Amino acid sequence: MLKFDRQGLIPVVIQDDATDEVLMVAFMNEEAFQLTRETGYTHLYSRSRNKLWRKGEESGKVQEVCALFVNCEENSVLLRVIQHGGAACHEGYKNCYYRRILPDGNYEVIAQRVFDPTVVYHKK
């Protein structure tokens, strides 16, 4: 039985099934978890927008779920996905971890954008 926090959320690590690359970390509520299981596509809960959403609903860059895993304490989920469209990050990068923290505290961008996030892409 999954253990959602006091806000009804559970952290989700999303990993590329082919490369094992961590694409992003997000949150699900129970409805997002059920929709992900039912549809086979990643659904999440946005804390900043306070709403349920399907990954890629605006950009078309959807995540097809290959497998779902739960950790030993049942308080986080791992999704292994096929990332369609090349970019998981809303900033246009393949994953959300495109910046390295340097010893002086500054960031260094270590990847190139896959697409321009300022361009409006088609919806699927």
N, C-alpha and C. Protein backbone atom coordinates (compact mmCIF):
# COMPACT_ATOMS: atom_id res chain seq x y z
N MET A 1 0.84 -1.17 0.00
CA MET A 1 0.00 0.00 0.00
C MET A 1 0.89 1.24 0.00
N LEU A 2 0.75 2.10 -0.99
CA LEU A 2 1.56 3.31 -1.06
C LEU A 2 1.25 4.26 0.08
N LYS A 3 2.29 4.93 0.56
CA LYS A 3 2.15 5.88 1.67
C LYS A 3 2.30 7.30 1.14
N PHE A 4 1.18 7.94 0.90
CA PHE A 4 1.18 9.33 0.45
C PHE A 4 1.40 10.24 1.66
N ASP A 5 2.03 11.40 1.45
CA ASP A 5 2.30 12.31 2.57
C ASP A 5 1.03 13.04 3.02
N ARG A 6 1.18 13.97 3.96
CA ARG A 6 0.03 14.69 4.51
C ARG A 6 -0.73 15.50 3.47
N GLN A 7 -0.04 15.89 2.40
CA GLN A 7 -0.69 16.63 1.31
C GLN A 7 -1.30 15.68 0.27
N GLY A 8 -1.18 14.38 0.52
CA GLY A 8 -1.72 13.39 -0.41
C GLY A 8 -0.82 13.13 -1.61
N LEU A 9 0.48 13.41 -1.46
CA LEU A 9 1.42 13.26 -2.57
C LEU A 9 2.49 12.24 -2.25
N ILE A 10 3.10 11.71 -3.34
CA ILE A 10 4.22 10.79 -3.22
C ILE A 10 5.25 11.18 -4.27
N PRO A 11 6.56 11.22 -3.91
CA PRO A 11 7.58 11.57 -4.90
C PRO A 11 7.75 10.45 -5.93
N VAL A 12 8.03 10.87 -7.16
CA VAL A 12 8.18 9.94 -8.27
C VAL A 12 9.49 10.24 -9.00
N VAL A 13 10.35 9.24 -9.10
CA VAL A 13 11.56 9.34 -9.90
C VAL A 13 11.23 8.75 -11.26
N ILE A 14 11.54 9.50 -12.32
CA ILE A 14 11.22 9.02 -13.67
C ILE A 14 12.53 8.77 -14.40
N GLN A 15 12.69 7.53 -14.87
CA GLN A 15 13.94 7.04 -15.44
C GLN A 15 13.71 6.52 -16.85
N ASP A 16 14.64 6.83 -17.74
CA ASP A 16 14.58 6.32 -19.11
C ASP A 16 14.81 4.82 -19.10
N ASP A 17 13.90 4.06 -19.66
CA ASP A 17 13.99 2.60 -19.63
C ASP A 17 15.16 2.07 -20.44
N ALA A 18 15.54 2.75 -21.50
CA ALA A 18 16.62 2.27 -22.36
C ALA A 18 18.00 2.62 -21.83
N THR A 19 18.15 3.79 -21.21
CA THR A 19 19.48 4.28 -20.83
C THR A 19 19.72 4.33 -19.32
N ASP A 20 18.69 4.14 -18.52
CA ASP A 20 18.74 4.26 -17.06
C ASP A 20 18.95 5.70 -16.58
N GLU A 21 18.94 6.66 -17.49
CA GLU A 21 19.13 8.07 -17.14
C GLU A 21 17.92 8.58 -16.35
N VAL A 22 18.18 9.28 -15.25
CA VAL A 22 17.10 9.90 -14.49
C VAL A 22 16.66 11.14 -15.27
N LEU A 23 15.39 11.17 -15.66
CA LEU A 23 14.86 12.27 -16.45
C LEU A 23 14.33 13.40 -15.60
N MET A 24 13.64 13.04 -14.52
CA MET A 24 13.03 14.05 -13.68
C MET A 24 12.53 13.44 -12.38
N VAL A 25 12.21 14.30 -11.43
CA VAL A 25 11.55 13.91 -10.20
C VAL A 25 10.31 14.78 -10.08
N ALA A 26 9.21 14.17 -9.73
CA ALA A 26 7.95 14.91 -9.64
C ALA A 26 7.11 14.30 -8.52
N PHE A 27 5.82 14.64 -8.49
CA PHE A 27 4.92 14.12 -7.48
C PHE A 27 3.65 13.58 -8.12
N MET A 28 3.05 12.61 -7.45
CA MET A 28 1.75 12.07 -7.85
C MET A 28 0.82 12.13 -6.65
N ASN A 29 -0.46 12.32 -6.93
CA ASN A 29 -1.48 12.05 -5.92
C ASN A 29 -2.09 10.70 -6.30
N GLU A 30 -3.07 10.23 -5.56
CA GLU A 30 -3.65 8.91 -5.85
C GLU A 30 -4.28 8.86 -7.24
N GLU A 31 -4.93 9.95 -7.64
CA GLU A 31 -5.57 9.98 -8.96
C GLU A 31 -4.53 9.90 -10.07
N ALA A 32 -3.42 10.62 -9.94
CA ALA A 32 -2.36 10.56 -10.95
C ALA A 32 -1.77 9.16 -11.04
N PHE A 33 -1.59 8.52 -9.88
CA PHE A 33 -1.06 7.16 -9.86
C PHE A 33 -2.01 6.20 -10.58
N GLN A 34 -3.31 6.30 -10.29
CA GLN A 34 -4.29 5.43 -10.93
C GLN A 34 -4.36 5.68 -12.44
N LEU A 35 -4.36 6.94 -12.85
CA LEU A 35 -4.41 7.26 -14.28
C LEU A 35 -3.17 6.75 -15.01
N THR A 36 -2.01 6.84 -14.35
CA THR A 36 -0.78 6.30 -14.93
C THR A 36 -0.91 4.81 -15.15
N ARG A 37 -1.42 4.11 -14.16
CA ARG A 37 -1.60 2.66 -14.28
C ARG A 37 -2.62 2.30 -15.35
N GLU A 38 -3.72 3.04 -15.41
CA GLU A 38 -4.79 2.74 -16.35
C GLU A 38 -4.42 3.06 -17.80
N THR A 39 -3.73 4.17 -18.01
CA THR A 39 -3.46 4.62 -19.38
C THR A 39 -2.12 4.17 -19.93
N GLY A 40 -1.16 3.90 -19.04
CA GLY A 40 0.19 3.55 -19.49
C GLY A 40 1.03 4.77 -19.84
N TYR A 41 0.55 5.96 -19.48
CA TYR A 41 1.29 7.20 -19.71
C TYR A 41 1.39 7.96 -18.39
N THR A 42 2.50 8.68 -18.22
CA THR A 42 2.78 9.39 -16.98
C THR A 42 1.77 10.51 -16.72
N HIS A 43 1.16 10.44 -15.54
CA HIS A 43 0.30 11.51 -15.03
C HIS A 43 0.92 11.96 -13.70
N LEU A 44 0.90 13.25 -13.45
CA LEU A 44 1.55 13.81 -12.28
C LEU A 44 0.65 14.83 -11.61
N TYR A 45 1.08 15.28 -10.43
CA TYR A 45 0.37 16.35 -9.75
C TYR A 45 1.33 17.53 -9.63
N SER A 46 0.93 18.67 -10.15
CA SER A 46 1.75 19.87 -10.09
C SER A 46 1.46 20.61 -8.79
N ARG A 47 2.48 20.72 -7.94
CA ARG A 47 2.31 21.47 -6.70
C ARG A 47 2.21 22.96 -6.97
N SER A 48 2.94 23.46 -7.97
CA SER A 48 2.91 24.89 -8.25
C SER A 48 1.59 25.33 -8.89
N ARG A 49 1.02 24.46 -9.71
CA ARG A 49 -0.26 24.79 -10.36
C ARG A 49 -1.46 24.21 -9.63
N ASN A 50 -1.18 23.37 -8.64
CA ASN A 50 -2.22 22.73 -7.83
C ASN A 50 -3.23 21.97 -8.70
N LYS A 51 -2.68 21.14 -9.63
CA LYS A 51 -3.58 20.39 -10.50
C LYS A 51 -2.92 19.14 -11.05
N LEU A 52 -3.75 18.22 -11.45
CA LEU A 52 -3.35 16.99 -12.10
C LEU A 52 -3.01 17.29 -13.56
N TRP A 53 -1.98 16.63 -14.11
CA TRP A 53 -1.65 16.83 -15.52
C TRP A 53 -1.00 15.58 -16.08
N ARG A 54 -1.16 15.43 -17.40
CA ARG A 54 -0.50 14.32 -18.12
C ARG A 54 0.78 14.86 -18.71
N LYS A 55 1.90 14.22 -18.44
CA LYS A 55 3.18 14.65 -18.97
C LYS A 55 3.10 14.72 -20.49
N GLY A 56 3.42 15.88 -21.04
CA GLY A 56 3.40 16.06 -22.48
C GLY A 56 2.08 16.53 -23.04
N GLU A 57 1.11 16.86 -22.19
CA GLU A 57 -0.21 17.25 -22.68
C GLU A 57 -0.15 18.52 -23.52
N GLU A 58 0.81 19.38 -23.28
CA GLU A 58 0.95 20.60 -24.09
C GLU A 58 2.06 20.47 -25.12
N SER A 59 3.17 19.85 -24.76
CA SER A 59 4.33 19.77 -25.65
C SER A 59 4.28 18.58 -26.61
N GLY A 60 3.48 17.57 -26.29
CA GLY A 60 3.46 16.35 -27.08
C GLY A 60 4.59 15.40 -26.71
N LYS A 61 5.42 15.76 -25.74
CA LYS A 61 6.57 14.96 -25.34
C LYS A 61 6.16 14.04 -24.19
N VAL A 62 5.41 13.01 -24.54
CA VAL A 62 4.81 12.11 -23.55
C VAL A 62 5.78 11.04 -23.08
N GLN A 63 5.43 10.44 -21.95
CA GLN A 63 6.21 9.34 -21.39
C GLN A 63 5.34 8.09 -21.34
N GLU A 64 5.77 7.09 -22.10
CA GLU A 64 5.09 5.79 -22.10
C GLU A 64 5.69 4.94 -20.99
N VAL A 65 4.88 4.49 -20.08
CA VAL A 65 5.36 3.77 -18.90
C VAL A 65 5.63 2.30 -19.24
N CYS A 66 6.84 1.87 -18.92
CA CYS A 66 7.23 0.47 -19.11
C CYS A 66 7.04 -0.34 -17.83
N ALA A 67 7.33 0.28 -16.68
CA ALA A 67 7.22 -0.42 -15.41
C ALA A 67 7.11 0.58 -14.27
N LEU A 68 6.43 0.16 -13.20
CA LEU A 68 6.30 0.96 -11.98
C LEU A 68 6.92 0.17 -10.84
N PHE A 69 7.68 0.88 -9.98
CA PHE A 69 8.31 0.25 -8.83
C PHE A 69 8.02 1.10 -7.60
N VAL A 70 8.04 0.46 -6.43
CA VAL A 70 7.88 1.17 -5.16
C VAL A 70 9.10 0.86 -4.30
N ASN A 71 9.52 1.83 -3.50
CA ASN A 71 10.69 1.60 -2.65
C ASN A 71 10.31 0.78 -1.42
N CYS A 72 11.32 0.44 -0.61
CA CYS A 72 11.12 -0.45 0.54
C CYS A 72 10.17 0.11 1.58
N GLU A 73 10.11 1.43 1.72
CA GLU A 73 9.22 2.04 2.71
C GLU A 73 7.86 2.41 2.13
N GLU A 74 7.66 2.12 0.85
CA GLU A 74 6.41 2.40 0.14
C GLU A 74 6.05 3.88 0.14
N ASN A 75 7.09 4.76 0.17
CA ASN A 75 6.83 6.19 0.19
C ASN A 75 7.43 6.95 -0.99
N SER A 76 7.86 6.22 -2.01
CA SER A 76 8.27 6.82 -3.28
C SER A 76 8.10 5.80 -4.39
N VAL A 77 7.97 6.31 -5.60
CA VAL A 77 7.71 5.47 -6.78
C VAL A 77 8.78 5.74 -7.82
N LEU A 78 9.14 4.71 -8.55
CA LEU A 78 10.04 4.82 -9.69
C LEU A 78 9.27 4.41 -10.93
N LEU A 79 9.25 5.28 -11.93
CA LEU A 79 8.66 4.94 -13.23
C LEU A 79 9.79 4.75 -14.23
N ARG A 80 9.77 3.65 -14.96
CA ARG A 80 10.68 3.47 -16.09
C ARG A 80 9.85 3.72 -17.32
N VAL A 81 10.32 4.65 -18.16
CA VAL A 81 9.51 5.14 -19.27
C VAL A 81 10.28 5.16 -20.58
N ILE A 82 9.51 5.22 -21.65
CA ILE A 82 10.04 5.59 -22.96
C ILE A 82 9.66 7.04 -23.15
N GLN A 83 10.67 7.91 -23.26
CA GLN A 83 10.43 9.34 -23.43
C GLN A 83 10.25 9.63 -24.91
N HIS A 84 9.05 9.99 -25.30
CA HIS A 84 8.77 10.35 -26.69
C HIS A 84 9.01 11.84 -26.89
N GLY A 85 9.60 12.20 -28.02
CA GLY A 85 9.83 13.60 -28.32
C GLY A 85 11.18 14.13 -27.89
N GLY A 86 11.98 13.29 -27.23
CA GLY A 86 13.36 13.67 -26.94
C GLY A 86 13.62 14.46 -25.68
N ALA A 87 12.66 15.19 -25.15
CA ALA A 87 12.93 16.04 -23.99
C ALA A 87 11.91 15.80 -22.88
N ALA A 88 12.41 15.57 -21.68
CA ALA A 88 11.54 15.44 -20.53
C ALA A 88 11.39 16.77 -19.81
N CYS A 89 12.41 17.61 -19.89
CA CYS A 89 12.42 18.88 -19.15
C CYS A 89 11.65 19.97 -19.90
N HIS A 90 10.85 20.74 -19.17
CA HIS A 90 10.08 21.82 -19.80
C HIS A 90 10.99 22.95 -20.30
N GLU A 91 12.26 22.94 -19.90
CA GLU A 91 13.23 23.93 -20.39
C GLU A 91 13.84 23.49 -21.72
N GLY A 92 13.46 22.31 -22.22
CA GLY A 92 13.92 21.85 -23.52
C GLY A 92 15.09 20.88 -23.50
N TYR A 93 15.50 20.46 -22.31
CA TYR A 93 16.62 19.52 -22.19
C TYR A 93 16.08 18.09 -22.08
N LYS A 94 16.98 17.13 -22.41
CA LYS A 94 16.57 15.72 -22.35
C LYS A 94 16.11 15.34 -20.95
N ASN A 95 16.81 15.83 -19.93
CA ASN A 95 16.39 15.59 -18.55
C ASN A 95 16.46 16.88 -17.76
N CYS A 96 15.95 16.86 -16.57
CA CYS A 96 15.90 18.08 -15.75
C CYS A 96 17.21 18.38 -15.04
N TYR A 97 18.17 17.47 -15.15
CA TYR A 97 19.45 17.64 -14.46
C TYR A 97 20.54 18.05 -15.44
N TYR A 98 20.37 19.20 -16.07
CA TYR A 98 21.28 19.67 -17.10
C TYR A 98 22.30 20.68 -16.58
N ARG A 99 22.27 20.94 -15.26
CA ARG A 99 23.22 21.90 -14.67
C ARG A 99 24.01 21.23 -13.55
N ARG A 100 25.31 21.45 -13.56
CA ARG A 100 26.20 20.96 -12.51
C ARG A 100 26.45 22.11 -11.54
N ILE A 101 26.48 21.81 -10.23
CA ILE A 101 26.80 22.81 -9.23
C ILE A 101 28.32 22.80 -9.05
N LEU A 102 28.93 23.95 -9.28
CA LEU A 102 30.38 24.10 -9.18
C LEU A 102 30.79 24.37 -7.72
N PRO A 103 32.08 24.16 -7.40
CA PRO A 103 32.55 24.39 -6.03
C PRO A 103 32.23 25.79 -5.49
N ASP A 104 32.18 26.80 -6.38
CA ASP A 104 31.88 28.16 -5.93
C ASP A 104 30.38 28.43 -5.80
N GLY A 105 29.55 27.40 -6.08
CA GLY A 105 28.11 27.54 -5.95
C GLY A 105 27.39 27.94 -7.22
N ASN A 106 28.14 28.33 -8.24
CA ASN A 106 27.52 28.67 -9.53
C ASN A 106 27.12 27.40 -10.27
N TYR A 107 26.27 27.57 -11.27
CA TYR A 107 25.83 26.45 -12.10
C TYR A 107 26.58 26.46 -13.43
N GLU A 108 26.83 25.26 -13.94
CA GLU A 108 27.39 25.08 -15.27
C GLU A 108 26.42 24.23 -16.07
N VAL A 109 25.94 24.75 -17.20
CA VAL A 109 25.06 23.98 -18.08
C VAL A 109 25.91 22.94 -18.78
N ILE A 110 25.52 21.66 -18.66
CA ILE A 110 26.34 20.57 -19.20
C ILE A 110 25.67 19.84 -20.35
N ALA A 111 24.54 20.36 -20.83
CA ALA A 111 23.81 19.69 -21.92
C ALA A 111 23.31 20.74 -22.90
N GLN A 112 22.91 20.26 -24.06
CA GLN A 112 22.29 21.14 -25.05
C GLN A 112 20.80 20.87 -25.09
N ARG A 113 20.06 21.92 -25.42
CA ARG A 113 18.62 21.76 -25.54
C ARG A 113 18.27 20.86 -26.71
N VAL A 114 17.22 20.06 -26.50
CA VAL A 114 16.69 19.20 -27.55
C VAL A 114 15.68 19.98 -28.39
N PHE A 115 14.95 20.91 -27.74
CA PHE A 115 13.99 21.75 -28.44
C PHE A 115 13.92 23.11 -27.76
N ASP A 116 13.38 24.09 -28.44
CA ASP A 116 13.25 25.45 -27.93
C ASP A 116 11.96 25.56 -27.12
N PRO A 117 12.05 25.78 -25.79
CA PRO A 117 10.84 25.83 -24.97
C PRO A 117 9.98 27.07 -25.21
N THR A 118 10.50 28.06 -25.95
CA THR A 118 9.70 29.26 -26.23
C THR A 118 8.78 29.07 -27.42
N VAL A 119 8.98 27.99 -28.18
CA VAL A 119 8.15 27.70 -29.33
C VAL A 119 6.96 26.86 -28.89
N VAL A 120 5.78 27.19 -29.36
CA VAL A 120 4.59 26.41 -29.03
C VAL A 120 4.51 25.23 -30.00
N TYR A 121 4.56 24.03 -29.44
CA TYR A 121 4.50 22.81 -30.23
C TYR A 121 3.09 22.28 -30.25
N HIS A 122 2.84 21.34 -31.12
CA HIS A 122 1.49 20.76 -31.25
C HIS A 122 1.10 20.00 -30.00
N LYS A 123 -0.19 19.88 -29.79
CA LYS A 123 -0.72 19.06 -28.70
C LYS A 123 -1.08 17.69 -29.24
N LYS A 124 -0.92 16.69 -28.42
CA LYS A 124 -1.33 15.33 -28.80
C LYS A 124 -2.60 14.98 -28.11
